[in-house]
C-alpha atoms as a PDB file:
ATOM      1  CA  MET A   1      -7.453 -11.199  61.533  1.00  0.00           C
ATOM      2  CA  HIS A   2      -7.204 -13.849  59.043  1.00  0.00           C
ATOM      3  CA  PHE A   3      -6.100 -13.651  55.457  1.00  0.00           C
ATOM      4  CA  SER A   4      -6.737 -16.607  53.042  1.00  0.00           C
ATOM      5  CA  PHE A   5      -5.289 -16.978  49.665  1.00  0.00           C
ATOM      6  CA  CYS A   6      -6.182 -19.068  46.595  1.00  0.00           C
ATOM      7  CA  THR A   7      -4.761 -20.490  43.660  1.00  0.00           C
ATOM      8  CA  LEU A   8      -6.636 -20.349  40.303  1.00  0.00           C
ATOM      9  CA  HIS A   9      -5.934 -22.785  37.582  1.00  0.00           C
ATOM     10  CA  PHE A  10      -6.554 -22.615  33.855  1.00  0.00           C
ATOM     11  CA  GLU A  11      -6.884 -25.244  31.612  1.00  0.00           C
ATOM     12  CA  PHE A  12      -7.218 -24.504  28.019  1.00  0.00           C
ATOM     13  CA  PRO A  13      -9.096 -27.444  26.218  1.00  0.00           C
ATOM     14  CA  SER A  14      -7.165 -29.320  23.297  1.00  0.00           C
ATOM     15  CA  SER A  15      -9.033 -27.583  20.420  1.00  0.00           C
ATOM     16  CA  ALA A  16      -7.807 -24.354  21.792  1.00  0.00           C
ATOM     17  CA  ALA A  17      -4.157 -25.168  22.337  1.00  0.00           C
ATOM     18  CA  ARG A  18      -4.358 -26.037  18.449  1.00  0.00           C
ATOM     19  CA  PHE A  19      -6.219 -22.868  17.357  1.00  0.00           C
ATOM     20  CA  PHE A  20      -4.075 -20.437  18.639  1.00  0.00           C
ATOM     21  CA  PRO A  21      -1.011 -21.636  16.733  1.00  0.00           C
ATOM     22  CA  ALA A  22      -2.887 -21.532  13.655  1.00  0.00           C
ATOM     23  CA  LEU A  23      -4.029 -17.982  14.271  1.00  0.00           C
ATOM     24  CA  LEU A  24      -0.526 -16.900  14.961  1.00  0.00           C
ATOM     25  CA  LEU A  25       0.485 -18.467  11.625  1.00  0.00           C
ATOM     26  CA  ALA A  26      -2.019 -16.843   9.422  1.00  0.00           C
ATOM     27  CA  CYS A  27      -1.371 -13.637  10.709  1.00  0.00           C
ATOM     28  CA  VAL A  28       2.424 -13.938  10.113  1.00  0.00           C
ATOM     29  CA  PRO A  29       3.533 -11.197   7.620  1.00  0.00           C
ATOM     30  CA  ALA A  30       4.227 -12.660   3.965  1.00  0.00           C
ATOM     31  CA  ALA A  31       7.564 -11.993   2.587  1.00  0.00           C
ATOM     32  CA  ALA A  32       8.516  -9.835  -0.375  1.00  0.00           C
ATOM     33  CA  ARG A  33       5.673  -7.469  -0.488  1.00  0.00           C
ATOM     34  CA  ALA A  34       4.475  -5.223  -3.037  1.00  0.00           C
ATOM     35  CA  ASP A  35       3.602  -1.823  -1.166  1.00  0.00           C
ATOM     36  CA  GLN A  36       2.531   0.477  -3.756  1.00  0.00           C
ATOM     37  CA  LEU A  37      -0.070   1.338  -6.429  1.00  0.00           C
ATOM     38  CA  ILE A  38      -0.047   4.467  -8.582  1.00  0.00           C
ATOM     39  CA  GLN A  39      -2.763   6.999  -6.600  1.00  0.00           C
ATOM     40  CA  ILE A  40      -4.356   4.732  -4.275  1.00  0.00           C
ATOM     41  CA  PRO A  41      -3.136   3.440  -0.851  1.00  0.00           C
ATOM     42  CA  THR A  42      -2.472  -0.107   0.028  1.00  0.00           C
ATOM     43  CA  ALA A  43      -2.668  -1.884   3.396  1.00  0.00           C
ATOM     44  CA  ASP A  44       1.103  -2.616   2.969  1.00  0.00           C
ATOM     45  CA  ARG A  45       3.613  -0.090   4.402  1.00  0.00           C
ATOM     46  CA  VAL A  46       7.160   0.772   2.781  1.00  0.00           C
ATOM     47  CA  GLU A  47      10.113  -1.279   4.230  1.00  0.00           C
ATOM     48  CA  ALA A  48      12.390   1.565   4.350  1.00  0.00           C
ATOM     49  CA  PRO A  49      12.185   5.454   3.105  1.00  0.00           C
ATOM     50  CA  THR A  50      11.109   5.661  -0.353  1.00  0.00           C
ATOM     51  CA  VAL A  51      11.364   8.791  -2.749  1.00  0.00           C
ATOM     52  CA  GLU A  52       9.437   8.978  -6.203  1.00  0.00           C
ATOM     53  CA  TYR A  53       8.999  11.666  -8.481  1.00  0.00           C
ATOM     54  CA  LYS A  54       6.620  11.611 -11.816  1.00  0.00           C
ATOM     55  CA  GLN A  55       6.066  13.956 -14.514  1.00  0.00           C
ATOM     56  CA  ARG A  56       3.228  14.462 -17.342  1.00  0.00           C
ATOM     57  CA  LEU A  57       4.846  13.606 -20.458  1.00  0.00           C
ATOM     58  CA  ASP A  58       2.289  16.062 -22.695  1.00  0.00           C
ATOM     59  CA  GLY A  59       0.001  18.514 -22.314  1.00  0.00           C
ATOM     60  CA  GLN A  60       0.482  20.517 -19.354  1.00  0.00           C
ATOM     61  CA  HIS A  61       3.895  20.886 -17.679  1.00  0.00           C
ATOM     62  CA  GLU A  62       3.206  19.218 -14.129  1.00  0.00           C
ATOM     63  CA  GLY A  63       4.466  16.558 -11.856  1.00  0.00           C
ATOM     64  CA  TYR A  64       4.367  15.450  -8.360  1.00  0.00           C
ATOM     65  CA  GLY A  65       7.013  13.879  -5.888  1.00  0.00           C
ATOM     66  CA  THR A  66       6.257  11.660  -2.853  1.00  0.00           C
ATOM     67  CA  LEU A  67       8.330  10.827  -0.066  1.00  0.00           C
ATOM     68  CA  LEU A  68       7.217   7.453   2.213  1.00  0.00           C
ATOM     69  CA  VAL A  69       8.640   6.932   5.416  1.00  0.00           C
ATOM     70  CA  PRO A  70       8.141   3.947   7.752  1.00  0.00           C
ATOM     71  CA  ALA A  71       7.691   4.977  11.487  1.00  0.00           C
ATOM     72  CA  GLY A  72       7.575   2.400  14.444  1.00  0.00           C
ATOM     73  CA  LEU A  73       5.841  -0.771  13.940  1.00  0.00           C
ATOM     74  CA  ALA A  74       2.708   0.263  12.499  1.00  0.00           C
ATOM     75  CA  TYR A  75       2.702   3.587  10.848  1.00  0.00           C
ATOM     76  CA  GLU A  76       3.949   5.236   7.309  1.00  0.00           C
ATOM     77  CA  LEU A  77       4.329   8.769   6.973  1.00  0.00           C
ATOM     78  CA  MET A  78       3.503  10.505   3.543  1.00  0.00           C
ATOM     79  CA  VAL A  79       4.700  13.808   2.027  1.00  0.00           C
ATOM     80  CA  ARG A  80       4.269  14.940  -1.379  1.00  0.00           C
ATOM     81  CA  TYR A  81       4.985  18.112  -3.483  1.00  0.00           C
ATOM     82  CA  TYR A  82       2.871  18.601  -6.652  1.00  0.00           C
ATOM     83  CA  ASN A  83       4.855  20.767  -9.183  1.00  0.00           C
ATOM     84  CA  ASN A  84       2.434  22.616 -11.245  1.00  0.00           C
ATOM     85  CA  GLU A  85      -0.378  19.991 -10.833  1.00  0.00           C
ATOM     86  CA  ASP A  86      -3.788  21.561 -11.528  1.00  0.00           C
ATOM     87  CA  HIS A  87      -1.386  24.720 -12.028  1.00  0.00           C
ATOM     88  CA  GLU A  88      -0.667  24.657  -8.338  1.00  0.00           C
ATOM     89  CA  HIS A  89       2.584  24.283  -6.207  1.00  0.00           C
ATOM     90  CA  THR A  90       1.749  22.904  -3.130  1.00  0.00           C
ATOM     91  CA  ALA A  91       2.619  20.199  -0.548  1.00  0.00           C
ATOM     92  CA  GLU A  92       0.321  17.726   1.644  1.00  0.00           C
ATOM     93  CA  GLY A  93       1.366  15.460   4.479  1.00  0.00           C
ATOM     94  CA  GLY A  94      -0.490  12.451   5.920  1.00  0.00           C
ATOM     95  CA  ALA A  95      -0.362   9.083   7.616  1.00  0.00           C
ATOM     96  CA  LEU A  96      -1.292   5.488   7.559  1.00  0.00           C
ATOM     97  CA  PHE A  97      -1.953   2.931  10.435  1.00  0.00           C
ATOM     98  CA  GLN A  98      -1.616  -0.701   9.739  1.00  0.00           C
ATOM     99  CA  LEU A  99      -4.008  -2.435  11.690  1.00  0.00           C
ATOM    100  CA  LEU A 100      -3.181  -5.972  10.247  1.00  0.00           C
ATOM    101  CA  PRO A 101      -0.421  -7.037   8.026  1.00  0.00           C
ATOM    102  CA  ASP A 102      -0.915  -8.931   4.873  1.00  0.00           C
ATOM    103  CA  GLY A 103      -0.326 -12.671   6.383  1.00  0.00           C
ATOM    104  CA  VAL A 104      -0.090 -16.251   4.932  1.00  0.00           C
ATOM    105  CA  VAL A 105      -4.068 -16.258   5.035  1.00  0.00           C
ATOM    106  CA  THR A 106      -5.282 -12.958   6.728  1.00  0.00           C
ATOM    107  CA  PRO A 107      -5.206  -9.912   4.246  1.00  0.00           C
ATOM    108  CA  GLY A 108      -3.440  -6.568   5.240  1.00  0.00           C
ATOM    109  CA  VAL A 109      -5.915  -3.937   6.723  1.00  0.00           C
ATOM    110  CA  SER A 110      -5.175  -0.306   6.890  1.00  0.00           C
ATOM    111  CA  LEU A 111      -6.605   3.009   7.707  1.00  0.00           C
ATOM    112  CA  GLY A 112      -5.199   6.915   7.275  1.00  0.00           C
ATOM    113  CA  ILE A 113      -5.447  10.274   6.174  1.00  0.00           C
ATOM    114  CA  TRP A 114      -3.662  12.141   3.363  1.00  0.00           C
ATOM    115  CA  ASP A 115      -3.333  16.038   3.134  1.00  0.00           C
ATOM    116  CA  ILE A 116      -4.285  16.929   6.884  1.00  0.00           C
ATOM    117  CA  SER A 117      -4.415  20.328   5.896  1.00  0.00           C
ATOM    118  CA  ASN A 118      -6.500  20.063   3.147  1.00  0.00           C
ATOM    119  CA  SER A 119      -4.209  22.111   0.976  1.00  0.00           C
ATOM    120  CA  SER A 120      -3.462  20.005  -1.973  1.00  0.00           C
ATOM    121  CA  PRO A 121      -5.006  20.012  -5.486  1.00  0.00           C
ATOM    122  CA  TRP A 122      -6.698  16.266  -4.343  1.00  0.00           C
ATOM    123  CA  GLY A 123      -7.983  17.847  -0.998  1.00  0.00           C
ATOM    124  CA  ARG A 124      -8.240  15.930   2.414  1.00  0.00           C
ATOM    125  CA  ARG A 125      -9.102  12.160   1.888  1.00  0.00           C
ATOM    126  CA  ALA A 126      -9.321   9.414   4.725  1.00  0.00           C
ATOM    127  CA  PHE A 127      -9.432   5.915   3.541  1.00  0.00           C
ATOM    128  CA  PHE A 128      -9.630   2.132   4.913  1.00  0.00           C
ATOM    129  CA  VAL A 129      -8.072  -0.360   2.573  1.00  0.00           C
ATOM    130  CA  ILE A 130      -7.811  -4.242   2.311  1.00  0.00           C
ATOM    131  CA  THR A 131      -4.814  -5.756   0.716  1.00  0.00           C
ATOM    132  CA  LYS A 132      -4.014  -9.288  -0.058  1.00  0.00           C
ATOM    133  CA  GLY A 133      -0.980 -10.844  -1.899  1.00  0.00           C
ATOM    134  CA  LEU A 134      -1.220 -14.280  -3.794  1.00  0.00           C
ATOM    135  CA  ARG A 135       1.688 -16.108  -5.120  1.00  0.00           C
ATOM    136  CA  GLN A 136       2.156 -18.283  -8.163  1.00  0.00           C
ATOM    137  CA  GLY A 137       0.186 -21.515  -7.880  1.00  0.00           C
ATOM    138  CA  GLN A 138      -2.305 -20.021  -5.183  1.00  0.00           C
ATOM    139  CA  PHE A 139      -5.917 -19.801  -6.522  1.00  0.00           C
ATOM    140  CA  GLY A 140      -5.227 -20.684  -9.920  1.00  0.00           C
ATOM    141  CA  ILE A 141      -2.678 -18.305 -10.782  1.00  0.00           C
ATOM    142  CA  PRO A 142      -0.282 -19.155 -13.418  1.00  0.00           C
ATOM    143  CA  LYS A 143       3.132 -19.101 -14.696  1.00  0.00           C
ATOM    144  CA  PRO A 144       5.038 -16.856 -15.386  1.00  0.00           C
ATOM    145  CA  ILE A 145       3.011 -14.566 -12.902  1.00  0.00           C
ATOM    146  CA  GLU A 146       4.907 -14.406  -9.929  1.00  0.00           C
ATOM    147  CA  ARG A 147       2.930 -12.568  -7.709  1.00  0.00           C
ATOM    148  CA  VAL A 148      -0.569 -10.727  -7.619  1.00  0.00           C
ATOM    149  CA  GLN A 149      -1.572  -8.106  -5.102  1.00  0.00           C
ATOM    150  CA  LEU A 150      -5.282  -6.768  -4.904  1.00  0.00           C
ATOM    151  CA  THR A 151      -6.546  -3.805  -3.071  1.00  0.00           C
ATOM    152  CA  PHE A 152      -9.888  -2.761  -2.304  1.00  0.00           C
ATOM    153  CA  GLY A 153     -11.551   0.066   0.176  1.00  0.00           C
ATOM    154  CA  THR A 154     -13.207   3.142   0.309  1.00  0.00           C
ATOM    155  CA  GLY A 155     -12.609   6.522   1.684  1.00  0.00           C
ATOM    156  CA  THR A 156     -13.769  10.290   1.947  1.00  0.00           C
ATOM    157  CA  GLY A 157     -13.220  13.323  -0.545  1.00  0.00           C
ATOM    158  CA  ARG A 158     -11.689  12.330  -3.443  1.00  0.00           C
ATOM    159  CA  PHE A 159     -11.591   8.812  -2.274  1.00  0.00           C
ATOM    160  CA  SER A 160     -15.265   8.781  -1.648  1.00  0.00           C
ATOM    161  CA  GLY A 161     -16.655   5.665  -3.056  1.00  0.00           C
ATOM    162  CA  ILE A 162     -14.799   2.324  -4.269  1.00  0.00           C
ATOM    163  CA  LEU A 163     -11.073   1.913  -4.592  1.00  0.00           C
ATOM    164  CA  ALA A 164      -9.723  -0.964  -6.136  1.00  0.00           C
ATOM    165  CA  GLY A 165      -6.313  -1.927  -7.414  1.00  0.00           C
ATOM    166  CA  ALA A 166      -4.232  -4.688  -8.763  1.00  0.00           C
ATOM    167  CA  ARG A 167      -0.434  -5.108  -9.220  1.00  0.00           C
ATOM    168  CA  VAL A 168       0.763  -8.322 -11.149  1.00  0.00           C
ATOM    169  CA  ASP A 169       4.720  -9.289 -10.767  1.00  0.00           C
ATOM    170  CA  LEU A 170       6.340 -10.633 -13.542  1.00  0.00           C
ATOM    171  CA  PRO A 171       9.536 -12.302 -14.336  1.00  0.00           C
ATOM    172  CA  ALA A 172      12.758 -10.098 -14.905  1.00  0.00           C
ATOM    173  CA  ARG A 173      11.402  -7.678 -12.420  1.00  0.00           C
ATOM    174  CA  PHE A 174       8.294  -6.080 -14.413  1.00  0.00           C
ATOM    175  CA  SER A 175       5.147  -5.160 -12.947  1.00  0.00           C
ATOM    176  CA  LEU A 176       1.686  -4.409 -14.327  1.00  0.00           C
ATOM    177  CA  ILE A 177      -0.448  -1.875 -12.358  1.00  0.00           C
ATOM    178  CA  ALA A 178      -4.203  -0.958 -12.625  1.00  0.00           C
ATOM    179  CA  GLU A 179      -6.543   0.492 -10.497  1.00  0.00           C
ATOM    180  CA  PHE A 180      -9.763   2.786  -9.912  1.00  0.00           C
ATOM    181  CA  ASP A 181      -9.278   5.704  -7.647  1.00  0.00           C
ATOM    182  CA  ALA A 182     -13.046   6.102  -7.298  1.00  0.00           C
ATOM    183  CA  ARG A 183     -13.099   8.779  -9.906  1.00  0.00           C
ATOM    184  CA  ARG A 184     -11.096   7.716 -12.644  1.00  0.00           C
ATOM    185  CA  LEU A 185      -8.787   4.701 -13.896  1.00  0.00           C
ATOM    186  CA  ASN A 186      -5.178   4.538 -13.745  1.00  0.00           C
ATOM    187  CA  ALA A 187      -2.537   1.820 -15.565  1.00  0.00           C
ATOM    188  CA  GLY A 188       1.112   1.508 -15.312  1.00  0.00           C
ATOM    189  CA  VAL A 189       4.005  -0.799 -16.371  1.00  0.00           C
ATOM    190  CA  TRP A 190       7.064  -0.663 -13.789  1.00  0.00           C
ATOM    191  CA  TRP A 191      10.570  -2.067 -14.230  1.00  0.00           C
ATOM    192  CA  SER A 192      13.217  -2.580 -11.265  1.00  0.00           C
ATOM    193  CA  PRO A 193      16.635  -3.110 -12.961  1.00  0.00           C
ATOM    194  CA  VAL A 194      17.990  -3.355  -9.300  1.00  0.00           C
ATOM    195  CA  LYS A 195      16.140  -3.586  -6.000  1.00  0.00           C
ATOM    196  CA  PRO A 196      16.343   0.075  -4.960  1.00  0.00           C
ATOM    197  CA  LEU A 197      15.220   1.380  -8.262  1.00  0.00           C
ATOM    198  CA  THR A 198      12.197   1.195 -10.003  1.00  0.00           C
ATOM    199  CA  VAL A 199      11.546   2.922 -13.597  1.00  0.00           C
ATOM    200  CA  LYS A 200       7.767   4.027 -13.939  1.00  0.00           C
ATOM    201  CA  GLY A 201       5.574   4.567 -16.746  1.00  0.00           C
ATOM    202  CA  ASP A 202       1.877   5.322 -16.125  1.00  0.00           C
ATOM    203  CA  LEU A 203      -1.206   6.637 -17.592  1.00  0.00           C
ATOM    204  CA  HIS A 204      -3.475   8.850 -15.245  1.00  0.00           C
ATOM    205  CA  ASN A 205      -6.535   8.859 -16.837  1.00  0.00           C
ATOM    206  CA  GLY A 206      -5.079   8.657 -20.071  1.00  0.00           C
ATOM    207  CA  ASN A 207      -2.481  11.594 -19.296  1.00  0.00           C
ATOM    208  CA  PRO A 208       0.630   9.673 -19.956  1.00  0.00           C
ATOM    209  CA  TYR A 209       3.596  10.200 -16.821  1.00  0.00           C
ATOM    210  CA  ALA A 210       7.144   8.962 -16.462  1.00  0.00           C
ATOM    211  CA  GLY A 211       9.311   8.652 -13.331  1.00  0.00           C
ATOM    212  CA  GLY A 212      11.020   6.640 -10.912  1.00  0.00           C
ATOM    213  CA  GLU A 213      11.468   5.561  -7.386  1.00  0.00           C
ATOM    214  CA  PHE A 214      14.305   5.060  -5.093  1.00  0.00           C
ATOM    215  CA  ARG A 215      14.284   3.032  -1.765  1.00  0.00           C
ATOM    216  CA  LEU A 216      16.961   3.594   0.487  1.00  0.00           C
ATOM    217  CA  ARG A 217      18.588   0.117   2.014  1.00  0.00           C
ATOM    218  CA  PHE A 218      19.898   0.040   5.369  1.00  0.00           C
END
């Protein structure tokens, strides 16, 4: 009985050797991401467990609270409680999976589903979103703007249609927010006096909401 063995030798051309490091650099996550908008998702994930509550300031006595938790290397879990929102006291849960982080060159890409049980006023909604952050000096972004985050996507249910959002980070930890959630326009002014805390004032389709967000730091 006779066995023969052979050794395979692979040699990459010099062009490929230059291409792969550039590809890896393009996919390196950008630092200091701004990971949230008002009602629509972004492709970013929260960096630590985050709790938010917003209360309507006129008309109906209603509000909602949200808990976001990063899980593993690519998941984000969401739980939201609706406090008399649309005259309902209900809760929903969902998750986001990040296919690609927002890198130096490449945008972030995520998909997910909120309200898996279809039990909230907004109902079950799946989504696919693309997010890109641009810093001062990139593509003509002028001073005093420190960073612009753009998000586009689509989805099902209440997110059926075009999703679009922008977050503009300014000096003194102020941010301006605007979004279209496939049905209505929302806008906000946020201020973060210290890193874990953000104070928020929003208009949800013209209805004023105020609240805040606290992010745990380990």
